[in-house]
PDB file of all heavy atoms in Angstrom:
ATOM      1  N   SER A   1       0.835  -1.186   0.022  1.00  0.00           N
ATOM      2  CA  SER A   1      -0.013   0.089  -0.010  1.00  0.00           C
ATOM      3  C   SER A   1       0.832   1.249   0.014  1.00  0.00           C
ATOM      4  O   SER A   1       1.967   1.213   0.582  1.00  0.00           O
ATOM      5  CB  SER A   1      -0.899   0.041   1.176  1.00  0.00           C
ATOM      6  OG  SER A   1      -1.852  -1.080   1.244  1.00  0.00           O
ATOM      7  N   LEU A   2       0.320   2.279  -0.651  1.00  0.00           N
ATOM      8  CA  LEU A   2       0.907   3.547  -0.666  1.00  0.00           C
ATOM      9  C   LEU A   2      -0.197   4.526  -0.096  1.00  0.00           C
ATOM     10  O   LEU A   2      -1.310   4.534  -0.644  1.00  0.00           O
ATOM     11  CB  LEU A   2       1.369   4.042  -2.028  1.00  0.00           C
ATOM     12  CG  LEU A   2       2.371   5.118  -2.183  1.00  0.00           C
ATOM     13  CD1 LEU A   2       3.754   4.589  -1.716  1.00  0.00           C
ATOM     14  CD2 LEU A   2       2.507   5.530  -3.611  1.00  0.00           C
ATOM     15  N   VAL A   3       0.117   5.250   1.014  1.00  0.00           N
ATOM     16  CA  VAL A   3      -0.964   6.037   1.651  1.00  0.00           C
ATOM     17  C   VAL A   3      -0.525   7.507   1.824  1.00  0.00           C
ATOM     18  O   VAL A   3       0.570   7.785   2.237  1.00  0.00           O
ATOM     19  CB  VAL A   3      -1.175   5.538   3.062  1.00  0.00           C
ATOM     20  CG1 VAL A   3      -2.198   6.440   3.763  1.00  0.00           C
ATOM     21  CG2 VAL A   3      -1.660   4.122   3.126  1.00  0.00           C
ATOM     22  N   PHE A   4      -1.278   8.442   1.187  1.00  0.00           N
ATOM     23  CA  PHE A   4      -1.084   9.852   1.227  1.00  0.00           C
ATOM     24  C   PHE A   4      -1.890  10.395   2.446  1.00  0.00           C
ATOM     25  O   PHE A   4      -3.118  10.166   2.515  1.00  0.00           O
ATOM     26  CB  PHE A   4      -1.589  10.531   0.042  1.00  0.00           C
ATOM     27  CG  PHE A   4      -0.846  10.137  -1.296  1.00  0.00           C
ATOM     28  CD1 PHE A   4      -1.172   8.938  -1.855  1.00  0.00           C
ATOM     29  CD2 PHE A   4       0.178  10.922  -1.869  1.00  0.00           C
ATOM     30  CE1 PHE A   4      -0.528   8.586  -3.000  1.00  0.00           C
ATOM     31  CE2 PHE A   4       0.767  10.566  -3.023  1.00  0.00           C
ATOM     32  CZ  PHE A   4       0.493   9.386  -3.566  1.00  0.00           C
ATOM     33  N   ILE A   5      -1.312  11.190   3.257  1.00  0.00           N
ATOM     34  CA  ILE A   5      -2.012  11.818   4.330  1.00  0.00           C
ATOM     35  C   ILE A   5      -2.518  13.299   3.923  1.00  0.00           C
ATOM     36  O   ILE A   5      -1.649  14.142   3.868  1.00  0.00           O
ATOM     37  CB  ILE A   5      -1.274  11.884   5.662  1.00  0.00           C
ATOM     38  CG1 ILE A   5      -0.851  10.465   6.079  1.00  0.00           C
ATOM     39  CG2 ILE A   5      -2.018  12.573   6.787  1.00  0.00           C
ATOM     40  CD1 ILE A   5       0.081  10.401   7.234  1.00  0.00           C
ATOM     41  N   VAL A   6      -3.720  13.291   3.510  1.00  0.00           N
ATOM     42  CA  VAL A   6      -4.188  14.679   2.869  1.00  0.00           C
ATOM     43  C   VAL A   6      -4.453  15.630   4.012  1.00  0.00           C
ATOM     44  O   VAL A   6      -4.238  16.827   3.913  1.00  0.00           O
ATOM     45  CB  VAL A   6      -5.588  14.417   2.095  1.00  0.00           C
ATOM     46  CG1 VAL A   6      -6.102  15.708   1.516  1.00  0.00           C
ATOM     47  CG2 VAL A   6      -5.259  13.371   1.005  1.00  0.00           C
ATOM     48  N   ASP A   7      -4.919  15.127   5.206  1.00  0.00           N
ATOM     49  CA  ASP A   7      -5.182  16.070   6.333  1.00  0.00           C
ATOM     50  C   ASP A   7      -5.216  15.313   7.560  1.00  0.00           C
ATOM     51  O   ASP A   7      -5.493  14.012   7.531  1.00  0.00           O
ATOM     52  CB  ASP A   7      -6.418  16.878   6.161  1.00  0.00           C
ATOM     53  CG  ASP A   7      -6.559  18.094   6.946  1.00  0.00           C
ATOM     54  OD1 ASP A   7      -5.525  18.447   7.596  1.00  0.00           O
ATOM     55  OD2 ASP A   7      -7.571  18.773   6.884  1.00  0.00           O
ATOM     56  N   GLY A   8      -4.888  15.893   8.757  1.00  0.00           N
ATOM     57  CA  GLY A   8      -4.984  15.222  10.060  1.00  0.00           C
ATOM     58  C   GLY A   8      -3.632  14.867  10.553  1.00  0.00           C
ATOM     59  O   GLY A   8      -2.577  15.124   9.952  1.00  0.00           O
ATOM     60  N   GLU A   9      -3.647  14.139  11.668  1.00  0.00           N
ATOM     61  CA  GLU A   9      -2.421  13.647  12.314  1.00  0.00           C
ATOM     62  C   GLU A   9      -2.539  12.214  12.839  1.00  0.00           C
ATOM     63  O   GLU A   9      -3.690  11.939  13.436  1.00  0.00           O
ATOM     64  CB  GLU A   9      -2.092  14.606  13.471  1.00  0.00           C
ATOM     65  CG  GLU A   9      -1.674  16.012  13.076  1.00  0.00           C
ATOM     66  CD  GLU A   9      -1.276  16.860  14.334  1.00  0.00           C
ATOM     67  OE1 GLU A   9      -1.502  16.325  15.399  1.00  0.00           O
ATOM     68  OE2 GLU A   9      -0.813  18.020  14.117  1.00  0.00           O
ATOM     69  N   LEU A  10      -1.484  11.431  12.685  1.00  0.00           N
ATOM     70  CA  LEU A  10      -1.574  10.061  13.214  1.00  0.00           C
ATOM     71  C   LEU A  10      -0.269   9.768  13.881  1.00  0.00           C
ATOM     72  O   LEU A  10       0.822  10.319  13.378  1.00  0.00           O
ATOM     73  CB  LEU A  10      -1.754   9.084  12.011  1.00  0.00           C
ATOM     74  CG  LEU A  10      -2.917   9.243  11.074  1.00  0.00           C
ATOM     75  CD1 LEU A  10      -2.538  10.152   9.926  1.00  0.00           C
ATOM     76  CD2 LEU A  10      -3.442   8.007  10.603  1.00  0.00           C
ATOM     77  N   ASP A  11      -0.370   8.867  14.865  1.00  0.00           N
ATOM     78  CA  ASP A  11       0.927   8.382  15.494  1.00  0.00           C
ATOM     79  C   ASP A  11       1.012   6.926  15.202  1.00  0.00           C
ATOM     80  O   ASP A  11       0.120   6.203  15.395  1.00  0.00           O
ATOM     81  CB  ASP A  11       0.838   8.638  17.054  1.00  0.00           C
ATOM     82  CG  ASP A  11       0.996  10.162  17.416  1.00  0.00           C
ATOM     83  OD1 ASP A  11       1.630  10.832  16.762  1.00  0.00           O
ATOM     84  OD2 ASP A  11       0.576  10.510  18.518  1.00  0.00           O
ATOM     85  N   LEU A  12       2.111   6.509  14.633  1.00  0.00           N
ATOM     86  CA  LEU A  12       2.302   5.232  14.091  1.00  0.00           C
ATOM     87  C   LEU A  12       3.284   4.457  15.000  1.00  0.00           C
ATOM     88  O   LEU A  12       4.343   5.009  15.390  1.00  0.00           O
ATOM     89  CB  LEU A  12       2.958   5.220  12.674  1.00  0.00           C
ATOM     90  CG  LEU A  12       2.140   6.062  11.655  1.00  0.00           C
ATOM     91  CD1 LEU A  12       2.897   6.110  10.329  1.00  0.00           C
ATOM     92  CD2 LEU A  12       0.789   5.566  11.387  1.00  0.00           C
ATOM     93  N   VAL A  13       2.946   3.215  15.349  1.00  0.00           N
ATOM     94  CA  VAL A  13       3.837   2.315  16.141  1.00  0.00           C
ATOM     95  C   VAL A  13       3.987   1.020  15.398  1.00  0.00           C
ATOM     96  O   VAL A  13       2.986   0.370  15.091  1.00  0.00           O
ATOM     97  CB  VAL A  13       3.185   2.067  17.467  1.00  0.00           C
ATOM     98  CG1 VAL A  13       4.127   1.223  18.310  1.00  0.00           C
ATOM     99  CG2 VAL A  13       2.979   3.433  18.269  1.00  0.00           C
ATOM    100  N   SER A  14       5.172   0.741  14.986  1.00  0.00           N
ATOM    101  CA  SER A  14       5.425  -0.450  14.166  1.00  0.00           C
ATOM    102  C   SER A  14       6.255  -1.462  15.011  1.00  0.00           C
ATOM    103  O   SER A  14       7.226  -1.091  15.672  1.00  0.00           O
ATOM    104  CB  SER A  14       6.153  -0.105  12.866  1.00  0.00           C
ATOM    105  OG  SER A  14       6.510  -1.302  12.168  1.00  0.00           O
ATOM    106  N   GLY A  15       5.901  -2.694  14.966  1.00  0.00           N
ATOM    107  CA  GLY A  15       6.699  -3.738  15.624  1.00  0.00           C
ATOM    108  C   GLY A  15       6.661  -3.609  17.167  1.00  0.00           C
ATOM    109  O   GLY A  15       5.683  -3.223  17.678  1.00  0.00           O
ATOM    110  N   SER A  16       7.815  -3.879  17.723  1.00  0.00           N
ATOM    111  CA  SER A  16       7.916  -3.798  19.209  1.00  0.00           C
ATOM    112  C   SER A  16       8.243  -2.421  19.741  1.00  0.00           C
ATOM    113  O   SER A  16       8.403  -2.239  20.983  1.00  0.00           O
ATOM    114  CB  SER A  16       8.912  -4.883  19.645  1.00  0.00           C
ATOM    115  OG  SER A  16      10.267  -4.520  19.098  1.00  0.00           O
ATOM    116  N   SER A  17       8.397  -1.489  18.861  1.00  0.00           N
ATOM    117  CA  SER A  17       8.848  -0.119  19.251  1.00  0.00           C
ATOM    118  C   SER A  17       7.622   0.470  20.037  1.00  0.00           C
ATOM    119  O   SER A  17       6.557   0.364  19.707  1.00  0.00           O
ATOM    120  CB  SER A  17       9.177   0.782  18.010  1.00  0.00           C
ATOM    121  OG  SER A  17       9.284   2.111  18.439  1.00  0.00           O
ATOM    122  N   ASP A  18       7.925   1.176  21.181  1.00  0.00           N
ATOM    123  CA  ASP A  18       6.946   1.854  21.928  1.00  0.00           C
ATOM    124  C   ASP A  18       7.013   3.304  21.689  1.00  0.00           C
ATOM    125  O   ASP A  18       6.434   4.115  22.422  1.00  0.00           O
ATOM    126  CB  ASP A  18       7.150   1.544  23.379  1.00  0.00           C
ATOM    127  CG  ASP A  18       8.587   1.890  23.993  1.00  0.00           C
ATOM    128  OD1 ASP A  18       9.282   2.386  23.191  1.00  0.00           O
ATOM    129  OD2 ASP A  18       8.826   1.750  25.202  1.00  0.00           O
ATOM    130  N   ARG A  19       7.755   3.721  20.754  1.00  0.00           N
ATOM    131  CA  ARG A  19       7.852   5.221  20.492  1.00  0.00           C
ATOM    132  C   ARG A  19       7.152   5.448  19.110  1.00  0.00           C
ATOM    133  O   ARG A  19       7.587   5.117  18.026  1.00  0.00           O
ATOM    134  CB  ARG A  19       9.411   5.631  20.289  1.00  0.00           C
ATOM    135  CG  ARG A  19      10.205   5.454  21.589  1.00  0.00           C
ATOM    136  CD  ARG A  19      11.550   5.972  21.401  1.00  0.00           C
ATOM    137  NE  ARG A  19      11.588   7.452  21.056  1.00  0.00           N
ATOM    138  CZ  ARG A  19      12.646   8.067  20.820  1.00  0.00           C
ATOM    139  NH1 ARG A  19      13.839   7.515  20.776  1.00  0.00           N
ATOM    140  NH2 ARG A  19      12.573   9.419  20.539  1.00  0.00           N
ATOM    141  N   PRO A  20       6.000   6.214  19.141  1.00  0.00           N
ATOM    142  CA  PRO A  20       5.262   6.422  17.894  1.00  0.00           C
ATOM    143  C   PRO A  20       5.998   7.312  17.125  1.00  0.00           C
ATOM    144  O   PRO A  20       6.686   8.297  17.584  1.00  0.00           O
ATOM    145  CB  PRO A  20       3.947   7.018  18.587  1.00  0.00           C
ATOM    146  CG  PRO A  20       4.285   7.568  19.895  1.00  0.00           C
ATOM    147  CD  PRO A  20       5.424   6.732  20.398  1.00  0.00           C
ATOM    148  N   VAL A  21       5.642   7.318  15.776  1.00  0.00           N
ATOM    149  CA  VAL A  21       6.239   8.248  14.811  1.00  0.00           C
ATOM    150  C   VAL A  21       5.021   9.087  14.285  1.00  0.00           C
ATOM    151  O   VAL A  21       3.986   8.535  13.887  1.00  0.00           O
ATOM    152  CB  VAL A  21       6.844   7.474  13.608  1.00  0.00           C
ATOM    153  CG1 VAL A  21       7.362   8.455  12.542  1.00  0.00           C
ATOM    154  CG2 VAL A  21       8.011   6.686  14.163  1.00  0.00           C
ATOM    155  N   ARG A  22       5.217  10.380  14.383  1.00  0.00           N
ATOM    156  CA  ARG A  22       4.080  11.225  13.952  1.00  0.00           C
ATOM    157  C   ARG A  22       4.055  11.397  12.312  1.00  0.00           C
ATOM    158  O   ARG A  22       5.055  11.495  11.669  1.00  0.00           O
ATOM    159  CB  ARG A  22       4.409  12.736  14.445  1.00  0.00           C
ATOM    160  CG  ARG A  22       3.379  13.857  14.023  1.00  0.00           C
ATOM    161  CD  ARG A  22       1.918  13.477  14.265  1.00  0.00           C
ATOM    162  NE  ARG A  22       1.700  13.180  15.719  1.00  0.00           N
ATOM    163  CZ  ARG A  22       1.344  14.111  16.579  1.00  0.00           C
ATOM    164  NH1 ARG A  22       1.239  15.341  16.327  1.00  0.00           N
ATOM    165  NH2 ARG A  22       1.123  13.736  17.873  1.00  0.00           N
ATOM    166  N   ALA A  23       2.863  11.172  11.855  1.00  0.00           N
ATOM    167  CA  ALA A  23       2.529  11.319  10.349  1.00  0.00           C
ATOM    168  C   ALA A  23       1.436  12.385  10.341  1.00  0.00           C
ATOM    169  O   ALA A  23       0.378  12.280  11.009  1.00  0.00           O
ATOM    170  CB  ALA A  23       2.016   9.979   9.882  1.00  0.00           C
ATOM    171  N   GLU A  24       1.670  13.288   9.408  1.00  0.00           N
ATOM    172  CA  GLU A  24       0.706  14.428   9.307  1.00  0.00           C
ATOM    173  C   GLU A  24       0.638  14.892   7.880  1.00  0.00           C
ATOM    174  O   GLU A  24       1.150  14.266   6.990  1.00  0.00           O
ATOM    175  CB  GLU A  24       1.200  15.651  10.245  1.00  0.00           C
ATOM    176  CG  GLU A  24       2.607  16.082   9.978  1.00  0.00           C
ATOM    177  CD  GLU A  24       3.186  16.952  10.995  1.00  0.00           C
ATOM    178  OE1 GLU A  24       2.539  17.238  11.917  1.00  0.00           O
ATOM    179  OE2 GLU A  24       4.340  17.486  10.800  1.00  0.00           O
ATOM    180  N   ARG A  25      -0.225  15.927   7.746  1.00  0.00           N
ATOM    181  CA  ARG A  25      -0.568  16.372   6.376  1.00  0.00           C
ATOM    182  C   ARG A  25       0.628  16.539   5.460  1.00  0.00           C
ATOM    183  O   ARG A  25       1.693  17.169   5.786  1.00  0.00           O
ATOM    184  CB  ARG A  25      -1.293  17.774   6.498  1.00  0.00           C
ATOM    185  CG  ARG A  25      -1.738  18.381   5.220  1.00  0.00           C
ATOM    186  CD  ARG A  25      -2.485  19.559   5.476  1.00  0.00           C
ATOM    187  NE  ARG A  25      -3.099  20.160   4.232  1.00  0.00           N
ATOM    188  CZ  ARG A  25      -3.804  21.249   4.125  1.00  0.00           C
ATOM    189  NH1 ARG A  25      -4.192  21.890   5.215  1.00  0.00           N
ATOM    190  NH2 ARG A  25      -4.203  21.668   2.961  1.00  0.00           N
ATOM    191  N   GLY A  26       0.504  15.924   4.222  1.00  0.00           N
ATOM    192  CA  GLY A  26       1.577  16.074   3.268  1.00  0.00           C
ATOM    193  C   GLY A  26       2.515  14.912   3.338  1.00  0.00           C
ATOM    194  O   GLY A  26       3.312  14.799   2.425  1.00  0.00           O
ATOM    195  N   ASP A  27       2.525  14.024   4.334  1.00  0.00           N
ATOM    196  CA  ASP A  27       3.334  12.892   4.403  1.00  0.00           C
ATOM    197  C   ASP A  27       2.807  11.772   3.638  1.00  0.00           C
ATOM    198  O   ASP A  27       1.650  11.673   3.221  1.00  0.00           O
ATOM    199  CB  ASP A  27       3.423  12.401   5.892  1.00  0.00           C
ATOM    200  CG  ASP A  27       4.267  13.321   6.711  1.00  0.00           C
ATOM    201  OD1 ASP A  27       4.964  14.185   6.199  1.00  0.00           O
ATOM    202  OD2 ASP A  27       4.240  13.200   8.038  1.00  0.00           O
TER     203      ASP A  27
END
């Protein structure tokens, strides 16, 4: 999948990591 963030904010957590990565408009 390829995902465009048109608007809004998301915190992503992948695998065992407990530190979210911020994804926001334009990402």
